[in-house]
Amino acid sequence: MVTKKLIDSIYKKYSSVPASPDELNIGLLFDYAMENHGIVIDENDLYIGSVDPSSPFAILPLDHIHEILEFEKYIAIVLPNSIIFLDKTSSDVNVHIRMEKSSLWSKLKDTLTSR
């Protein structure tokens, strides 16, 4: 089961891109997601056919992907501020978007400007 704690640890562990896209677990996409998600990879981009073409998650530059992970029901594509979960058995796609936490200064400024 994918929990908030697990998602936070993924962002922390995979906080940067690998030295080369060749180091990514791209084989997982072909093993589990190609048929259900229409995965296509060219030399620069990863195309996800099960995502609406107007979505910013439909085409991903390979040099922006931090890691590709396997879970029991999903393949996760880790990006700097989001994780795309591709269902292994259907064309379902879920996206987690990391929201930046407000800093103390930001909270103080918001409090003072709202008065």
N, C-alpha and C. Protein backbone atom coordinates (compact mmCIF):
# COMPACT_ATOMS: atom_id res chain seq x y z
N MET A 1 0.84 -1.18 0.00
CA MET A 1 0.00 0.00 0.00
C MET A 1 0.89 1.25 0.00
N VAL A 2 0.53 2.20 -0.82
CA VAL A 2 1.31 3.43 -0.93
C VAL A 2 0.74 4.44 0.07
N THR A 3 1.55 4.83 1.02
CA THR A 3 1.12 5.76 2.07
C THR A 3 1.84 7.10 1.91
N LYS A 4 1.37 8.09 2.64
CA LYS A 4 2.01 9.41 2.62
C LYS A 4 3.46 9.30 3.08
N LYS A 5 3.70 8.50 4.10
CA LYS A 5 5.05 8.32 4.62
C LYS A 5 5.97 7.72 3.55
N LEU A 6 5.46 6.73 2.82
CA LEU A 6 6.23 6.12 1.74
C LEU A 6 6.51 7.13 0.63
N ILE A 7 5.49 7.89 0.25
CA ILE A 7 5.67 8.91 -0.80
C ILE A 7 6.72 9.93 -0.38
N ASP A 8 6.66 10.39 0.86
CA ASP A 8 7.67 11.34 1.35
C ASP A 8 9.07 10.75 1.30
N SER A 9 9.19 9.47 1.64
CA SER A 9 10.51 8.83 1.60
C SER A 9 11.01 8.67 0.16
N ILE A 10 10.10 8.46 -0.78
CA ILE A 10 10.49 8.36 -2.20
C ILE A 10 11.06 9.69 -2.68
N TYR A 11 10.35 10.79 -2.38
CA TYR A 11 10.86 12.11 -2.78
C TYR A 11 12.24 12.38 -2.18
N LYS A 12 12.43 11.98 -0.93
CA LYS A 12 13.70 12.22 -0.25
C LYS A 12 14.81 11.35 -0.84
N LYS A 13 14.52 10.08 -1.06
CA LYS A 13 15.54 9.15 -1.55
C LYS A 13 15.92 9.43 -3.00
N TYR A 14 14.95 9.80 -3.82
CA TYR A 14 15.20 10.05 -5.25
C TYR A 14 15.06 11.53 -5.54
N SER A 15 15.89 12.33 -4.90
CA SER A 15 15.79 13.78 -5.02
C SER A 15 16.53 14.35 -6.22
N SER A 16 17.25 13.51 -6.93
CA SER A 16 17.97 14.00 -8.11
C SER A 16 17.88 12.97 -9.24
N VAL A 17 18.18 13.45 -10.44
CA VAL A 17 18.15 12.57 -11.60
C VAL A 17 19.41 11.72 -11.63
N PRO A 18 19.34 10.54 -12.22
CA PRO A 18 20.56 9.73 -12.35
C PRO A 18 21.52 10.37 -13.35
N ALA A 19 22.73 9.91 -13.37
CA ALA A 19 23.74 10.45 -14.28
C ALA A 19 23.31 10.31 -15.73
N SER A 20 22.57 9.24 -16.03
CA SER A 20 22.12 8.98 -17.39
C SER A 20 20.74 8.31 -17.35
N PRO A 21 19.87 8.59 -18.33
CA PRO A 21 18.58 7.89 -18.37
C PRO A 21 18.74 6.37 -18.49
N ASP A 22 19.89 5.90 -18.92
CA ASP A 22 20.15 4.46 -19.01
C ASP A 22 20.13 3.79 -17.64
N GLU A 23 20.30 4.56 -16.58
CA GLU A 23 20.29 4.03 -15.22
C GLU A 23 18.88 3.84 -14.67
N LEU A 24 17.87 4.33 -15.37
CA LEU A 24 16.48 4.18 -14.93
C LEU A 24 16.01 2.75 -15.17
N ASN A 25 15.04 2.32 -14.40
CA ASN A 25 14.44 0.99 -14.52
C ASN A 25 13.40 0.97 -15.64
N ILE A 26 13.77 1.35 -16.83
CA ILE A 26 12.82 1.46 -17.94
C ILE A 26 12.21 0.11 -18.29
N GLY A 27 12.91 -0.96 -18.02
CA GLY A 27 12.39 -2.30 -18.29
C GLY A 27 11.07 -2.57 -17.57
N LEU A 28 10.87 -1.97 -16.40
CA LEU A 28 9.60 -2.14 -15.68
C LEU A 28 8.42 -1.64 -16.49
N LEU A 29 8.63 -0.55 -17.23
CA LEU A 29 7.55 -0.01 -18.06
C LEU A 29 7.17 -1.00 -19.15
N PHE A 30 8.16 -1.64 -19.75
CA PHE A 30 7.87 -2.61 -20.81
C PHE A 30 7.28 -3.90 -20.25
N ASP A 31 7.70 -4.27 -19.05
CA ASP A 31 7.18 -5.49 -18.43
C ASP A 31 5.74 -5.36 -17.99
N TYR A 32 5.36 -4.18 -17.44
CA TYR A 32 4.06 -4.06 -16.78
C TYR A 32 3.13 -2.98 -17.34
N ALA A 33 3.66 -1.97 -18.02
CA ALA A 33 2.82 -0.84 -18.37
C ALA A 33 2.65 -0.59 -19.86
N MET A 34 3.43 -1.23 -20.68
CA MET A 34 3.39 -0.93 -22.11
C MET A 34 2.03 -1.22 -22.72
N GLU A 35 1.48 -2.38 -22.42
CA GLU A 35 0.21 -2.78 -23.02
C GLU A 35 -0.96 -1.93 -22.54
N ASN A 36 -1.08 -1.70 -21.24
CA ASN A 36 -2.20 -0.96 -20.69
C ASN A 36 -2.08 0.55 -20.83
N HIS A 37 -0.87 1.06 -20.97
CA HIS A 37 -0.68 2.51 -20.94
C HIS A 37 -0.11 3.08 -22.23
N GLY A 38 0.11 2.27 -23.22
CA GLY A 38 0.62 2.77 -24.50
C GLY A 38 1.94 3.51 -24.35
N ILE A 39 2.87 2.92 -23.65
CA ILE A 39 4.17 3.55 -23.40
C ILE A 39 5.01 3.55 -24.68
N VAL A 40 5.56 4.71 -25.00
CA VAL A 40 6.48 4.85 -26.13
C VAL A 40 7.65 5.68 -25.63
N ILE A 41 8.85 5.24 -25.95
CA ILE A 41 10.05 5.98 -25.55
C ILE A 41 10.88 6.26 -26.79
N ASP A 42 11.25 7.54 -26.95
CA ASP A 42 12.21 7.86 -27.99
C ASP A 42 13.50 8.30 -27.29
N GLU A 43 14.42 8.90 -28.01
CA GLU A 43 15.71 9.20 -27.40
C GLU A 43 15.65 10.28 -26.32
N ASN A 44 14.57 11.10 -26.30
CA ASN A 44 14.49 12.18 -25.32
C ASN A 44 13.29 12.14 -24.39
N ASP A 45 12.20 11.48 -24.81
CA ASP A 45 10.94 11.58 -24.08
C ASP A 45 10.28 10.23 -23.84
N LEU A 46 9.44 10.20 -22.80
CA LEU A 46 8.59 9.07 -22.48
C LEU A 46 7.16 9.52 -22.70
N TYR A 47 6.42 8.81 -23.55
CA TYR A 47 5.03 9.13 -23.87
C TYR A 47 4.14 8.12 -23.16
N ILE A 48 3.11 8.63 -22.47
CA ILE A 48 2.16 7.77 -21.77
C ILE A 48 0.82 7.93 -22.46
N GLY A 49 0.42 6.93 -23.24
CA GLY A 49 -0.79 7.00 -24.04
C GLY A 49 -2.08 6.99 -23.24
N SER A 50 -2.05 6.48 -22.00
CA SER A 50 -3.26 6.43 -21.18
C SER A 50 -3.54 7.76 -20.47
N VAL A 51 -2.67 8.73 -20.65
CA VAL A 51 -2.85 10.07 -20.07
C VAL A 51 -3.34 11.00 -21.18
N ASP A 52 -4.31 11.84 -20.85
CA ASP A 52 -4.85 12.81 -21.82
C ASP A 52 -3.70 13.59 -22.44
N PRO A 53 -3.65 13.70 -23.77
CA PRO A 53 -2.56 14.40 -24.43
C PRO A 53 -2.38 15.86 -24.01
N SER A 54 -3.43 16.48 -23.49
CA SER A 54 -3.30 17.87 -23.05
C SER A 54 -2.71 17.99 -21.65
N SER A 55 -2.53 16.86 -20.97
CA SER A 55 -1.97 16.86 -19.62
C SER A 55 -0.45 17.06 -19.67
N PRO A 56 0.10 17.75 -18.68
CA PRO A 56 1.56 17.88 -18.64
C PRO A 56 2.27 16.56 -18.32
N PHE A 57 1.49 15.53 -17.95
CA PHE A 57 2.07 14.23 -17.62
C PHE A 57 2.02 13.24 -18.79
N ALA A 58 1.56 13.66 -19.95
CA ALA A 58 1.47 12.78 -21.11
C ALA A 58 2.83 12.55 -21.76
N ILE A 59 3.68 13.56 -21.75
CA ILE A 59 5.02 13.46 -22.34
C ILE A 59 6.01 13.92 -21.28
N LEU A 60 6.93 13.03 -20.92
CA LEU A 60 7.91 13.33 -19.88
C LEU A 60 9.31 13.30 -20.47
N PRO A 61 10.07 14.37 -20.35
CA PRO A 61 11.47 14.32 -20.77
C PRO A 61 12.23 13.30 -19.92
N LEU A 62 12.97 12.42 -20.54
CA LEU A 62 13.70 11.39 -19.80
C LEU A 62 14.68 11.99 -18.79
N ASP A 63 15.23 13.16 -19.11
CA ASP A 63 16.19 13.76 -18.18
C ASP A 63 15.54 14.44 -16.99
N HIS A 64 14.20 14.36 -16.88
CA HIS A 64 13.49 14.87 -15.70
C HIS A 64 13.05 13.75 -14.77
N ILE A 65 13.16 12.52 -15.22
CA ILE A 65 12.71 11.37 -14.42
C ILE A 65 13.81 10.99 -13.44
N HIS A 66 13.45 10.94 -12.16
CA HIS A 66 14.43 10.60 -11.12
C HIS A 66 14.57 9.10 -10.95
N GLU A 67 13.44 8.36 -11.06
CA GLU A 67 13.50 6.90 -10.90
C GLU A 67 12.18 6.29 -11.36
N ILE A 68 12.22 5.01 -11.67
CA ILE A 68 11.03 4.22 -11.99
C ILE A 68 11.03 3.06 -11.00
N LEU A 69 9.94 2.95 -10.23
CA LEU A 69 9.86 1.96 -9.15
C LEU A 69 8.69 1.01 -9.36
N GLU A 70 8.82 -0.19 -8.81
CA GLU A 70 7.74 -1.17 -8.87
C GLU A 70 7.13 -1.36 -7.49
N PHE A 71 5.80 -1.35 -7.46
CA PHE A 71 5.03 -1.68 -6.26
C PHE A 71 4.12 -2.84 -6.62
N GLU A 72 3.40 -3.34 -5.64
CA GLU A 72 2.55 -4.50 -5.87
C GLU A 72 1.56 -4.26 -7.01
N LYS A 73 0.88 -3.11 -7.01
CA LYS A 73 -0.15 -2.84 -8.01
C LYS A 73 0.24 -1.77 -9.03
N TYR A 74 1.35 -1.07 -8.78
CA TYR A 74 1.68 0.09 -9.61
C TYR A 74 3.14 0.09 -10.05
N ILE A 75 3.37 0.83 -11.12
CA ILE A 75 4.70 1.25 -11.51
C ILE A 75 4.72 2.75 -11.27
N ALA A 76 5.70 3.24 -10.54
CA ALA A 76 5.77 4.66 -10.19
C ALA A 76 6.89 5.32 -10.98
N ILE A 77 6.57 6.46 -11.57
CA ILE A 77 7.55 7.28 -12.26
C ILE A 77 7.77 8.51 -11.39
N VAL A 78 8.98 8.62 -10.83
CA VAL A 78 9.28 9.68 -9.87
C VAL A 78 9.87 10.88 -10.61
N LEU A 79 9.22 12.02 -10.42
CA LEU A 79 9.66 13.29 -10.99
C LEU A 79 10.04 14.22 -9.84
N PRO A 80 10.59 15.40 -10.11
CA PRO A 80 11.01 16.28 -9.02
C PRO A 80 9.90 16.63 -8.03
N ASN A 81 8.70 16.93 -8.50
CA ASN A 81 7.62 17.34 -7.62
C ASN A 81 6.33 16.56 -7.82
N SER A 82 6.44 15.40 -8.42
CA SER A 82 5.25 14.56 -8.60
C SER A 82 5.68 13.12 -8.83
N ILE A 83 4.72 12.23 -8.60
CA ILE A 83 4.93 10.80 -8.86
C ILE A 83 3.72 10.32 -9.65
N ILE A 84 3.96 9.68 -10.78
CA ILE A 84 2.90 9.13 -11.60
C ILE A 84 2.82 7.64 -11.31
N PHE A 85 1.63 7.19 -10.90
CA PHE A 85 1.42 5.77 -10.60
C PHE A 85 0.61 5.15 -11.74
N LEU A 86 1.21 4.21 -12.44
CA LEU A 86 0.56 3.50 -13.53
C LEU A 86 0.11 2.14 -13.02
N ASP A 87 -1.18 1.86 -13.11
CA ASP A 87 -1.72 0.58 -12.66
C ASP A 87 -1.15 -0.53 -13.55
N LYS A 88 -0.74 -1.64 -12.94
CA LYS A 88 -0.16 -2.74 -13.71
C LYS A 88 -1.19 -3.53 -14.51
N THR A 89 -2.45 -3.52 -14.07
CA THR A 89 -3.45 -4.39 -14.69
C THR A 89 -4.52 -3.65 -15.47
N SER A 90 -4.50 -2.31 -15.45
CA SER A 90 -5.49 -1.53 -16.19
C SER A 90 -4.83 -0.25 -16.69
N SER A 91 -5.61 0.60 -17.33
CA SER A 91 -5.07 1.85 -17.84
C SER A 91 -5.24 3.00 -16.84
N ASP A 92 -5.54 2.68 -15.59
CA ASP A 92 -5.69 3.72 -14.56
C ASP A 92 -4.36 4.39 -14.26
N VAL A 93 -4.43 5.71 -14.09
CA VAL A 93 -3.25 6.51 -13.77
C VAL A 93 -3.60 7.40 -12.59
N ASN A 94 -2.73 7.46 -11.61
CA ASN A 94 -2.88 8.37 -10.48
C ASN A 94 -1.62 9.20 -10.37
N VAL A 95 -1.80 10.47 -10.03
CA VAL A 95 -0.66 11.37 -9.91
C VAL A 95 -0.64 11.98 -8.51
N HIS A 96 0.50 11.91 -7.85
CA HIS A 96 0.69 12.61 -6.59
C HIS A 96 1.51 13.85 -6.89
N ILE A 97 1.01 15.00 -6.47
CA ILE A 97 1.75 16.25 -6.66
C ILE A 97 2.20 16.74 -5.30
N ARG A 98 3.48 16.95 -5.17
CA ARG A 98 4.05 17.40 -3.89
C ARG A 98 3.77 18.89 -3.73
N MET A 99 3.16 19.20 -2.62
CA MET A 99 2.86 20.59 -2.30
C MET A 99 3.97 21.10 -1.38
N GLU A 100 4.49 22.25 -1.70
CA GLU A 100 5.54 22.84 -0.88
C GLU A 100 4.94 23.32 0.44
N LYS A 101 5.61 23.00 1.52
CA LYS A 101 5.17 23.45 2.83
C LYS A 101 5.54 24.93 2.98
N SER A 102 4.64 25.68 3.59
CA SER A 102 4.90 27.09 3.83
C SER A 102 5.98 27.26 4.89
N SER A 103 6.88 28.17 4.63
CA SER A 103 7.92 28.46 5.61
C SER A 103 7.34 29.35 6.70
N LEU A 104 8.06 29.48 7.78
CA LEU A 104 7.62 30.34 8.88
C LEU A 104 7.47 31.77 8.39
N TRP A 105 8.42 32.23 7.56
CA TRP A 105 8.34 33.60 7.04
C TRP A 105 7.13 33.79 6.14
N SER A 106 6.84 32.78 5.34
CA SER A 106 5.68 32.85 4.45
C SER A 106 4.38 32.91 5.25
N LYS A 107 4.28 32.11 6.29
CA LYS A 107 3.09 32.12 7.14
C LYS A 107 2.94 33.47 7.85
N LEU A 108 4.04 34.00 8.35
CA LEU A 108 4.00 35.30 9.03
C LEU A 108 3.58 36.40 8.06
N LYS A 109 4.12 36.39 6.87
CA LYS A 109 3.78 37.39 5.85
C LYS A 109 2.29 37.28 5.50
N ASP A 110 1.79 36.07 5.32
CA ASP A 110 0.36 35.87 5.00
C ASP A 110 -0.53 36.38 6.12
N THR A 111 -0.09 36.17 7.36
CA THR A 111 -0.88 36.64 8.51
C THR A 111 -0.92 38.15 8.55
N LEU A 112 0.22 38.79 8.32
CA LEU A 112 0.28 40.25 8.39
C LEU A 112 -0.44 40.92 7.22
N THR A 113 -0.39 40.35 6.03
CA THR A 113 -1.04 40.95 4.87
C THR A 113 -2.54 40.71 4.83
N SER A 114 -3.03 39.75 5.59
CA SER A 114 -4.47 39.46 5.57
C SER A 114 -5.25 40.37 6.52
N ARG A 115 -4.57 41.19 7.28
CA ARG A 115 -5.25 42.06 8.24
C ARG A 115 -5.62 43.36 7.65
